[in-house]
Amino acid sequence: MTYRNDRIEQLLGEGVRDKVYPGVVWAVGDADGIGASGTAGVLDPDEPDAPMRPDTVFDAASLTKILAVWSSIGALWEDGKLDLDVPLDTLWPEVVGHPLGAATARQLLTHTAGLPLRAQLKNLYGTDAQDIRDGVLHEALHRQPGEAVEYTDRAALVLGYLAEYLSGGTLNHLSVERTWQPLGMHSTRFGPLPVDVAARCAPTELDQDTDTHLKGVAHDFSARLLGGACGIAGAFTVLADLAAFLGYMLDTTTAPARAGFGPAWTTESLTVQTGALEPVRGLFWHPAAGTAPTEDVWVHYGFTGTGMWISPRQRQWAVLLTNKLYYTRDRQPLMDIRDTFRKLVFG
């Protein structure tokens, strides 16, 4: 495949110049691996002699929902341990007699389960992990399941709890054993990171309590509150690991599947699952902004500035990793760059 490397590098370099982010790591590839890649900018503006590198570690933020939750739920589905379309209270005693029990795993994956939109766990339930779990699983729904598509981080948190119940282990263990280790994703892990690994981690937002930028510790407060690992966020990763993950998703020839999920789960997920409801969703993936589902370019973003795209029809994937939160929470400048990047890669 031919990639417009010069235009990609110009675009991403302008993002550094305009202080959209301190630095960026990017790649485009297919089932065989990385076809083109590059870096721009620095790891930390306070250390201008330390450039972004291909092995820079990034706070994956909501990419955790794909790398840990989506992949683990897929493994349980392919194992026959999870029917996506039965009410949760038929397989999960913890939600029996509670409103969430009427929802299904598919509705959680499509953000149609009617969950409360609020996500400030500490303000709602305190700081005890069991109190948080009880509160999330037992609270009243915002609306009836299946009525509307409304994004909420809670869907991933609930699915993470469900995966732990069905597997009998932690989400961390399930992710490592069924996905990260089999695919050779040896640098992907939940934080907090060891000191030596944190040293090459891209810093994110300024922590008001310490007056330093978060580095090697999840930006997402819910993840930090729950010890660093949860369905919402908390994973850290590098470009090579994401290339292995996305390349595997495009590899339909693998038999038996190397990871817990295989082509069947990928195909199920990268198709419209929301019927006539808008906005259109697959299973945790959604069509890239400005594209129709028929164009078959699916995307997932992370709040810290991470993003990944995949197109089974074009047999191609792309990754764009930044630490834009170092400068601002304003999403629009990075969204504009992401949109142009997607067009340069996928057309």
Protein backbone atom coordinates (compact mmCIF):
# COMPACT_ATOMS: atom_id res chain seq x y z
CA MET A 1 0.00 0.00 0.00
CA THR A 2 1.08 3.58 -0.66
CA TYR A 3 0.94 5.97 2.28
CA ARG A 4 1.10 9.77 2.04
CA ASN A 5 3.96 9.95 4.53
CA ASP A 6 5.07 13.48 3.64
CA ARG A 7 1.60 14.92 4.14
CA ILE A 8 1.09 12.93 7.35
CA GLU A 9 4.39 14.15 8.75
CA GLN A 10 3.59 17.74 7.78
CA LEU A 11 0.16 17.53 9.44
CA LEU A 12 1.46 16.05 12.67
CA GLY A 13 4.44 18.39 12.79
CA GLU A 14 2.06 21.34 12.56
CA GLY A 15 0.24 19.93 15.58
CA VAL A 16 3.48 20.12 17.56
CA ARG A 17 4.17 23.64 16.32
CA ASP A 18 0.65 24.79 17.25
CA LYS A 19 0.90 23.16 20.69
CA VAL A 20 -1.98 20.79 20.11
CA TYR A 21 0.28 18.21 21.78
CA PRO A 22 3.95 18.06 22.86
CA GLY A 23 4.63 15.06 20.64
CA VAL A 24 3.12 12.29 18.58
CA VAL A 25 3.80 8.72 17.49
CA TRP A 26 1.94 7.33 14.49
CA ALA A 27 1.78 4.28 12.26
CA VAL A 28 -0.23 2.73 9.47
CA GLY A 29 -0.22 -0.97 8.68
CA ASP A 30 -2.02 -4.16 7.83
CA ALA A 31 -2.14 -7.78 8.97
CA ASP A 32 1.57 -8.15 8.17
CA GLY A 33 2.66 -5.32 10.43
CA ILE A 34 3.65 -1.66 10.22
CA GLY A 35 3.83 -0.21 6.72
CA ALA A 36 4.78 3.37 7.62
CA SER A 37 5.41 5.18 10.89
CA GLY A 38 6.98 8.21 12.44
CA THR A 39 7.32 10.53 15.41
CA ALA A 40 7.30 14.28 15.98
CA GLY A 41 7.87 16.59 18.91
CA VAL A 42 9.10 15.85 22.40
CA LEU A 43 8.12 13.63 25.27
CA ASP A 44 7.92 16.50 27.73
CA PRO A 45 8.23 20.25 26.95
CA ASP A 46 10.18 20.63 30.21
CA GLU A 47 12.81 18.29 28.72
CA PRO A 48 13.24 19.53 25.12
CA ASP A 49 16.21 17.22 24.48
CA ALA A 50 14.03 14.10 24.94
CA PRO A 51 12.20 13.45 21.65
CA MET A 52 9.14 11.30 21.18
CA ARG A 53 10.26 7.77 20.31
CA PRO A 54 8.57 4.75 18.76
CA ASP A 55 8.74 2.99 22.13
CA THR A 56 7.24 5.88 24.14
CA VAL A 57 4.66 4.57 26.61
CA PHE A 58 1.24 6.23 26.47
CA ASP A 59 -1.65 6.37 28.90
CA ALA A 60 -4.15 4.54 26.68
CA ALA A 61 -7.16 6.07 28.50
CA SER A 62 -10.35 4.77 26.83
CA LEU A 63 -8.39 2.52 24.49
CA THR A 64 -8.43 0.35 27.63
CA LYS A 65 -12.06 -0.35 26.75
CA ILE A 66 -10.87 -2.10 23.58
CA LEU A 67 -7.57 -3.59 24.72
CA ALA A 68 -8.96 -5.06 27.95
CA VAL A 69 -12.76 -5.09 28.05
CA TRP A 70 -13.77 -5.59 24.42
CA SER A 71 -11.13 -8.28 23.89
CA SER A 72 -12.00 -10.08 27.14
CA ILE A 73 -15.74 -10.01 26.48
CA GLY A 74 -14.96 -11.35 23.00
CA ALA A 75 -12.97 -14.21 24.48
CA LEU A 76 -15.85 -15.14 26.79
CA TRP A 77 -18.30 -14.89 23.88
CA GLU A 78 -16.17 -17.12 21.67
CA ASP A 79 -15.81 -19.58 24.57
CA GLY A 80 -19.60 -19.82 24.76
CA LYS A 81 -19.64 -18.40 28.28
CA LEU A 82 -21.57 -15.26 27.39
CA ASP A 83 -24.76 -14.79 25.38
CA LEU A 84 -24.86 -11.12 24.41
CA ASP A 85 -28.64 -11.02 24.17
CA VAL A 86 -29.91 -12.49 27.43
CA PRO A 87 -30.80 -10.22 30.36
CA LEU A 88 -27.85 -9.88 32.71
CA ASP A 89 -29.91 -11.14 35.65
CA THR A 90 -30.15 -14.59 34.02
CA LEU A 91 -26.40 -15.13 34.31
CA TRP A 92 -25.14 -12.74 36.98
CA PRO A 93 -26.56 -13.09 40.53
CA GLU A 94 -25.11 -9.73 41.57
CA VAL A 95 -27.65 -7.82 39.46
CA VAL A 96 -30.73 -9.95 40.17
CA GLY A 97 -33.50 -7.74 41.51
CA HIS A 98 -31.79 -4.54 40.30
CA PRO A 99 -32.63 -2.41 37.25
CA LEU A 100 -29.38 -3.29 35.46
CA GLY A 101 -30.48 -6.91 35.37
CA ALA A 102 -32.91 -6.12 32.54
CA ALA A 103 -30.13 -4.94 30.23
CA THR A 104 -27.97 -7.16 28.02
CA ALA A 105 -24.26 -7.29 27.30
CA ARG A 106 -24.93 -6.23 23.71
CA GLN A 107 -26.72 -3.13 24.98
CA LEU A 108 -23.75 -2.30 27.18
CA LEU A 109 -21.42 -2.72 24.19
CA THR A 110 -23.56 -0.38 22.09
CA HIS A 111 -24.24 2.17 24.85
CA THR A 112 -27.98 1.46 24.69
CA ALA A 113 -28.38 -0.08 28.16
CA GLY A 114 -29.88 3.08 29.67
CA LEU A 115 -27.14 3.47 32.28
CA PRO A 116 -26.83 6.69 34.31
CA LEU A 117 -24.62 9.17 32.47
CA ARG A 118 -22.86 10.37 35.60
CA ALA A 119 -19.36 9.00 36.06
CA GLN A 120 -17.99 10.75 39.17
CA LEU A 121 -17.66 7.58 41.20
CA LYS A 122 -16.05 9.13 44.26
CA ASN A 123 -18.75 11.80 44.56
CA LEU A 124 -21.49 9.19 44.19
CA TYR A 125 -20.26 6.20 46.16
CA GLY A 126 -17.19 7.16 48.18
CA THR A 127 -13.76 5.59 47.91
CA ASP A 128 -14.32 1.96 48.95
CA ALA A 129 -14.04 -0.38 45.94
CA GLN A 130 -16.93 -2.61 47.05
CA ASP A 131 -19.19 0.38 47.69
CA ILE A 132 -18.39 1.65 44.21
CA ARG A 133 -19.14 -1.73 42.67
CA ASP A 134 -22.43 -2.02 44.56
CA GLY A 135 -23.43 1.49 43.59
CA VAL A 136 -22.66 1.04 39.90
CA LEU A 137 -24.40 -2.34 39.62
CA HIS A 138 -27.45 -1.50 41.73
CA GLU A 139 -28.34 2.09 40.80
CA ALA A 140 -31.52 2.93 38.87
CA LEU A 141 -31.23 3.23 35.10
CA HIS A 142 -31.36 6.56 33.30
CA ARG A 143 -33.87 5.18 30.78
CA GLN A 144 -35.21 1.82 29.60
CA PRO A 145 -32.64 -0.40 27.82
CA GLY A 146 -32.74 -0.15 24.05
CA GLU A 147 -34.31 3.32 23.86
CA ALA A 148 -31.30 5.44 22.89
CA VAL A 149 -27.57 5.47 22.21
CA GLU A 150 -25.93 7.44 25.02
CA TYR A 151 -22.23 7.09 25.66
CA THR A 152 -21.17 6.52 29.25
CA ASP A 153 -17.97 5.16 30.79
CA ARG A 154 -20.12 3.03 33.08
CA ALA A 155 -20.79 0.54 30.28
CA ALA A 156 -17.13 -0.49 30.23
CA LEU A 157 -16.91 -0.55 34.01
CA VAL A 158 -19.93 -2.88 34.21
CA LEU A 159 -18.60 -5.12 31.44
CA GLY A 160 -15.27 -5.31 33.24
CA TYR A 161 -17.04 -6.48 36.38
CA LEU A 162 -19.03 -8.98 34.29
CA ALA A 163 -15.88 -10.36 32.68
CA GLU A 164 -14.36 -10.86 36.11
CA TYR A 165 -17.43 -12.69 37.36
CA LEU A 166 -17.61 -15.01 34.34
CA SER A 167 -13.88 -15.74 34.28
CA GLY A 168 -13.33 -16.01 38.02
CA GLY A 169 -10.29 -13.72 37.82
CA THR A 170 -9.38 -10.06 37.58
CA LEU A 171 -9.72 -8.01 34.41
CA ASN A 172 -5.97 -7.55 34.47
CA HIS A 173 -5.34 -11.30 34.57
CA LEU A 174 -7.91 -12.01 31.88
CA SER A 175 -6.44 -9.34 29.58
CA VAL A 176 -2.89 -10.60 30.04
CA GLU A 177 -3.69 -14.30 29.69
CA ARG A 178 -6.18 -14.13 26.82
CA THR A 179 -4.95 -11.16 24.78
CA TRP A 180 -1.78 -9.28 25.68
CA GLN A 181 0.55 -12.22 26.27
CA PRO A 182 -0.62 -14.36 23.30
CA LEU A 183 -0.22 -11.40 20.95
CA GLY A 184 3.20 -10.44 22.27
CA MET A 185 1.95 -7.16 23.74
CA HIS A 186 4.59 -7.26 26.45
CA SER A 187 4.64 -3.50 27.11
CA THR A 188 0.88 -3.19 27.65
CA ARG A 189 -0.08 -3.22 31.29
CA PHE A 190 -2.27 -1.54 33.87
CA GLY A 191 -0.63 1.14 35.98
CA PRO A 192 0.78 2.52 38.09
CA LEU A 193 3.96 1.85 36.11
CA PRO A 194 7.32 0.87 37.61
CA VAL A 195 9.77 3.78 37.84
CA ASP A 196 11.95 2.59 34.94
CA VAL A 197 8.95 2.23 32.62
CA ALA A 198 7.36 5.49 33.75
CA ALA A 199 10.56 7.28 32.72
CA ARG A 200 9.65 6.78 29.04
CA CYS A 201 5.95 7.49 29.52
CA ALA A 202 4.39 10.57 27.90
CA PRO A 203 3.18 12.90 30.69
CA THR A 204 -0.46 14.00 30.63
CA GLU A 205 -2.38 16.57 32.66
CA LEU A 206 -1.04 18.71 35.48
CA ASP A 207 -1.99 17.21 38.84
CA GLN A 208 -3.14 20.06 41.06
CA ASP A 209 -2.28 18.13 44.23
CA THR A 210 1.40 17.63 43.34
CA ASP A 211 1.88 20.45 40.79
CA THR A 212 3.46 17.92 38.42
CA HIS A 213 2.21 16.31 35.24
CA LEU A 214 0.88 12.77 35.66
CA LYS A 215 3.39 10.26 34.34
CA GLY A 216 3.06 6.51 34.69
CA VAL A 217 -0.16 6.98 36.66
CA ALA A 218 -3.56 6.84 34.95
CA HIS A 219 -5.03 10.21 34.18
CA ASP A 220 -8.54 8.87 34.65
CA PHE A 221 -9.57 9.45 38.26
CA SER A 222 -11.88 6.44 38.38
CA ALA A 223 -9.01 4.18 37.36
CA ARG A 224 -6.79 5.66 40.06
CA LEU A 225 -9.59 5.33 42.61
CA LEU A 226 -9.91 1.62 41.79
CA GLY A 227 -6.20 0.89 42.12
CA GLY A 228 -5.15 1.63 38.55
CA ALA A 229 -7.11 -1.08 36.73
CA CYS A 230 -10.75 -1.00 35.68
CA GLY A 231 -12.87 -1.26 32.57
CA ILE A 232 -12.97 2.50 32.01
CA ALA A 233 -9.24 3.23 31.72
CA GLY A 234 -5.89 2.51 33.32
CA ALA A 235 -3.92 0.61 30.67
CA PHE A 236 -0.63 1.87 29.26
CA THR A 237 0.67 0.77 25.89
CA VAL A 238 3.15 1.38 23.06
CA LEU A 239 2.89 1.58 19.29
CA ALA A 240 4.30 -1.89 18.61
CA ASP A 241 1.71 -3.51 20.86
CA LEU A 242 -1.18 -1.69 19.19
CA ALA A 243 0.20 -2.73 15.80
CA ALA A 244 0.20 -6.36 16.94
CA PHE A 245 -3.36 -6.05 18.26
CA LEU A 246 -4.82 -4.36 15.18
CA GLY A 247 -2.87 -6.54 12.77
CA TYR A 248 -4.28 -9.60 14.49
CA MET A 249 -7.79 -8.20 14.10
CA LEU A 250 -7.22 -8.10 10.33
CA ASP A 251 -5.70 -11.58 10.17
CA THR A 252 -8.60 -13.82 9.19
CA THR A 253 -6.30 -16.74 8.38
CA THR A 254 -5.24 -17.47 11.96
CA ALA A 255 -6.48 -20.90 13.02
CA PRO A 256 -6.64 -21.62 15.81
CA ALA A 257 -6.90 -18.05 17.08
CA ARG A 258 -3.83 -16.91 18.98
CA ALA A 259 -5.81 -14.68 21.33
CA GLY A 260 -9.03 -15.40 23.17
CA PHE A 261 -11.04 -13.61 20.52
CA GLY A 262 -10.83 -14.28 16.80
CA PRO A 263 -12.22 -13.16 13.44
CA ALA A 264 -15.80 -13.96 14.43
CA TRP A 265 -15.71 -11.41 17.27
CA THR A 266 -14.06 -8.78 15.07
CA THR A 267 -16.68 -9.27 12.35
CA GLU A 268 -19.52 -9.09 14.88
CA SER A 269 -18.13 -5.92 16.40
CA LEU A 270 -17.34 -3.97 13.24
CA THR A 271 -20.92 -4.00 11.95
CA VAL A 272 -23.88 -1.82 12.88
CA GLN A 273 -25.51 -3.16 16.04
CA THR A 274 -27.86 -0.28 16.87
CA GLY A 275 -30.56 -0.75 14.22
CA ALA A 276 -32.35 2.51 13.48
CA LEU A 277 -30.93 4.29 16.53
CA GLU A 278 -28.45 7.14 16.12
CA PRO A 279 -25.54 7.58 16.43
CA VAL A 280 -24.58 4.29 14.83
CA ARG A 281 -22.50 1.90 16.91
CA GLY A 282 -20.80 -1.43 16.51
CA LEU A 283 -19.66 -3.25 19.64
CA PHE A 284 -17.60 -0.58 21.42
CA TRP A 285 -16.30 0.56 17.99
CA HIS A 286 -18.06 3.21 15.94
CA PRO A 287 -17.72 4.56 12.39
CA ALA A 288 -15.09 7.29 12.12
CA ALA A 289 -16.47 10.83 12.10
CA GLY A 290 -17.38 11.87 8.59
CA THR A 291 -17.77 8.31 7.35
CA ALA A 292 -20.74 6.03 6.84
CA PRO A 293 -20.78 2.44 8.10
CA THR A 294 -20.57 1.29 4.47
CA GLU A 295 -17.14 2.93 4.22
CA ASP A 296 -15.99 0.49 6.91
CA VAL A 297 -13.58 2.70 8.84
CA TRP A 298 -14.06 2.11 12.57
CA VAL A 299 -12.44 4.05 15.38
CA HIS A 300 -11.92 4.29 19.11
CA TYR A 301 -10.39 7.26 20.94
CA GLY A 302 -8.81 7.91 24.32
CA PHE A 303 -9.25 11.14 26.30
CA THR A 304 -5.49 11.58 26.79
CA GLY A 305 -5.01 11.95 23.01
CA THR A 306 -4.80 8.36 21.78
CA GLY A 307 -6.68 6.89 18.84
CA MET A 308 -6.82 3.86 16.56
CA TRP A 309 -8.69 3.07 13.35
CA ILE A 310 -9.32 -0.17 11.49
CA SER A 311 -10.92 -1.03 8.14
CA PRO A 312 -11.45 -4.70 7.28
CA ARG A 313 -12.56 -3.74 3.77
CA GLN A 314 -9.35 -1.83 3.08
CA ARG A 315 -7.31 -4.36 5.10
CA GLN A 316 -5.66 -1.49 6.92
CA TRP A 317 -5.26 0.01 10.39
CA ALA A 318 -3.84 3.25 11.79
CA VAL A 319 -2.66 4.50 15.18
CA LEU A 320 -2.17 8.07 16.39
CA LEU A 321 -0.75 8.50 19.89
CA THR A 322 -0.38 11.92 21.54
CA ASN A 323 -0.32 13.40 25.02
CA LYS A 324 -2.48 16.40 24.16
CA LEU A 325 -3.74 16.62 27.75
CA TYR A 326 -0.36 18.09 28.69
CA TYR A 327 -1.65 21.36 27.22
CA THR A 328 -5.44 21.35 27.29
CA ARG A 329 -8.74 19.48 27.59
CA ASP A 330 -10.02 21.26 24.47
CA ARG A 331 -10.82 18.42 22.07
CA GLN A 332 -11.40 20.30 18.83
CA PRO A 333 -7.80 20.97 17.67
CA LEU A 334 -6.90 17.29 18.01
CA MET A 335 -10.19 16.18 16.47
CA ASP A 336 -9.39 18.28 13.39
CA ILE A 337 -5.97 16.63 13.10
CA ARG A 338 -7.46 13.18 13.63
CA ASP A 339 -10.00 13.77 10.88
CA THR A 340 -7.34 14.87 8.40
CA PHE A 341 -5.07 11.99 9.42
CA ARG A 342 -7.90 9.52 8.83
CA LYS A 343 -8.54 10.96 5.36
CA LEU A 344 -4.86 10.73 4.44
CA VAL A 345 -4.77 7.09 5.50
CA PHE A 346 -8.14 5.74 4.44
CA GLY A 347 -9.34 8.32 1.90
